[in-house]
C-alpha cells in the first residue's frame, strides 16, 4: 500500500464520513476492504 493511497483514504473519510482518522486506522480499514474484495472474488470460483 502506498502513502498516496493512505492519504486519499484519509481525505475520503474526512469529506464523506465527516471523521478524521490517522494513518494506522486508515491502514486497518484498507486491509478490511482488501479482504472483503478478495472474498467476493473467491465467492464465484
N, C-alpha and C. Protein backbone atom coordinates (compact mmCIF):
# COMPACT_ATOMS: atom_id res chain seq x y z
N UNK A 1 0.85 -1.16 0.00
CA UNK A 1 0.00 0.00 0.00
C UNK A 1 0.91 1.24 0.00
N UNK A 2 0.57 2.18 -0.83
CA UNK A 2 1.41 3.36 -0.94
C UNK A 2 0.93 4.49 -0.02
N UNK A 3 1.80 5.42 0.19
CA UNK A 3 1.46 6.60 1.00
C UNK A 3 0.32 7.37 0.34
N UNK A 4 0.34 7.41 -0.98
CA UNK A 4 -0.71 8.14 -1.70
C UNK A 4 -2.09 7.52 -1.45
N UNK A 5 -2.16 6.20 -1.44
CA UNK A 5 -3.44 5.52 -1.17
C UNK A 5 -3.93 5.88 0.24
N UNK A 6 -3.03 5.84 1.20
CA UNK A 6 -3.41 6.19 2.57
C UNK A 6 -3.90 7.63 2.66
N UNK A 7 -3.19 8.53 2.02
CA UNK A 7 -3.58 9.95 2.06
C UNK A 7 -4.97 10.15 1.46
N UNK A 8 -5.24 9.49 0.34
CA UNK A 8 -6.55 9.64 -0.29
C UNK A 8 -7.66 9.01 0.55
N UNK A 9 -7.36 7.90 1.20
CA UNK A 9 -8.37 7.27 2.06
C UNK A 9 -8.69 8.19 3.25
N UNK A 10 -7.68 8.80 3.81
CA UNK A 10 -7.89 9.74 4.93
C UNK A 10 -8.71 10.93 4.46
N UNK A 11 -8.40 11.46 3.28
CA UNK A 11 -9.17 12.59 2.73
C UNK A 11 -10.61 12.18 2.49
N UNK A 12 -10.81 10.98 1.90
CA UNK A 12 -12.16 10.50 1.63
C UNK A 12 -12.97 10.39 2.93
N UNK A 13 -12.34 9.87 3.97
CA UNK A 13 -13.01 9.73 5.25
C UNK A 13 -13.43 11.08 5.81
N UNK A 14 -12.54 12.04 5.69
CA UNK A 14 -12.82 13.38 6.21
C UNK A 14 -13.97 14.03 5.44
N UNK A 15 -13.99 13.87 4.13
CA UNK A 15 -15.01 14.52 3.30
C UNK A 15 -16.36 13.80 3.38
N UNK A 16 -16.36 12.50 3.20
CA UNK A 16 -17.62 11.76 3.06
C UNK A 16 -18.17 11.22 4.37
N UNK A 17 -17.31 10.90 5.31
CA UNK A 17 -17.80 10.36 6.58
C UNK A 17 -17.73 11.38 7.70
N UNK A 18 -17.16 12.54 7.39
CA UNK A 18 -17.03 13.63 8.37
C UNK A 18 -16.28 13.18 9.61
N UNK A 19 -15.28 12.30 9.42
CA UNK A 19 -14.46 11.84 10.53
C UNK A 19 -12.99 12.02 10.18
N UNK A 20 -12.21 12.19 11.19
CA UNK A 20 -10.77 12.31 11.00
C UNK A 20 -10.12 11.04 11.52
N UNK A 21 -9.35 10.38 10.66
CA UNK A 21 -8.68 9.15 11.07
C UNK A 21 -7.19 9.30 10.84
N UNK A 22 -6.44 8.53 11.56
CA UNK A 22 -4.99 8.53 11.43
C UNK A 22 -4.53 7.47 10.45
N UNK A 23 -3.24 7.45 10.23
CA UNK A 23 -2.64 6.51 9.29
C UNK A 23 -2.90 5.07 9.70
N UNK A 24 -2.76 4.78 10.98
CA UNK A 24 -2.95 3.41 11.46
C UNK A 24 -4.38 2.92 11.21
N UNK A 25 -5.36 3.77 11.51
CA UNK A 25 -6.75 3.40 11.27
C UNK A 25 -7.03 3.25 9.77
N UNK A 26 -6.45 4.12 8.97
CA UNK A 26 -6.63 4.03 7.52
C UNK A 26 -6.07 2.72 7.00
N UNK A 27 -4.91 2.32 7.49
CA UNK A 27 -4.32 1.04 7.06
C UNK A 27 -5.23 -0.12 7.43
N UNK A 28 -5.81 -0.09 8.62
CA UNK A 28 -6.71 -1.16 9.05
C UNK A 28 -7.96 -1.21 8.18
N UNK A 29 -8.53 -0.04 7.87
CA UNK A 29 -9.75 -0.01 7.06
C UNK A 29 -9.47 -0.51 5.64
N UNK A 30 -8.35 -0.12 5.08
CA UNK A 30 -8.00 -0.57 3.73
C UNK A 30 -7.76 -2.08 3.72
N UNK A 31 -7.16 -2.60 4.77
CA UNK A 31 -6.95 -4.05 4.87
C UNK A 31 -8.29 -4.79 4.91
N UNK A 32 -9.25 -4.26 5.63
CA UNK A 32 -10.57 -4.87 5.70
C UNK A 32 -11.22 -4.85 4.32
N UNK A 33 -11.10 -3.73 3.61
CA UNK A 33 -11.67 -3.65 2.27
C UNK A 33 -11.00 -4.64 1.32
N UNK A 34 -9.69 -4.78 1.42
CA UNK A 34 -8.99 -5.75 0.57
C UNK A 34 -9.48 -7.17 0.84
N UNK A 35 -9.63 -7.51 2.11
CA UNK A 35 -10.13 -8.84 2.47
C UNK A 35 -11.54 -9.07 1.92
N UNK A 36 -12.37 -8.05 2.02
CA UNK A 36 -13.75 -8.14 1.54
C UNK A 36 -13.78 -8.35 0.02
N UNK A 37 -12.98 -7.58 -0.69
CA UNK A 37 -12.93 -7.70 -2.15
C UNK A 37 -12.41 -9.08 -2.56
N UNK A 38 -11.38 -9.56 -1.88
CA UNK A 38 -10.86 -10.90 -2.18
C UNK A 38 -11.90 -11.98 -1.91
N UNK A 39 -12.65 -11.81 -0.82
CA UNK A 39 -13.70 -12.78 -0.51
C UNK A 39 -14.76 -12.78 -1.59
N UNK A 40 -15.13 -11.61 -2.09
CA UNK A 40 -16.12 -11.53 -3.17
C UNK A 40 -15.59 -12.18 -4.44
N UNK A 41 -14.32 -11.95 -4.75
CA UNK A 41 -13.74 -12.56 -5.95
C UNK A 41 -13.74 -14.08 -5.84
N UNK A 42 -13.43 -14.61 -4.66
CA UNK A 42 -13.36 -16.04 -4.46
C UNK A 42 -14.72 -16.69 -4.32
N UNK A 43 -15.74 -15.91 -4.06
CA UNK A 43 -17.09 -16.43 -3.87
C UNK A 43 -17.61 -17.11 -5.14
N UNK A 44 -17.22 -16.60 -6.28
CA UNK A 44 -17.75 -17.12 -7.55
C UNK A 44 -16.84 -18.15 -8.20
N UNK A 45 -15.84 -18.63 -7.50
CA UNK A 45 -14.94 -19.65 -8.07
C UNK A 45 -15.50 -21.02 -7.89
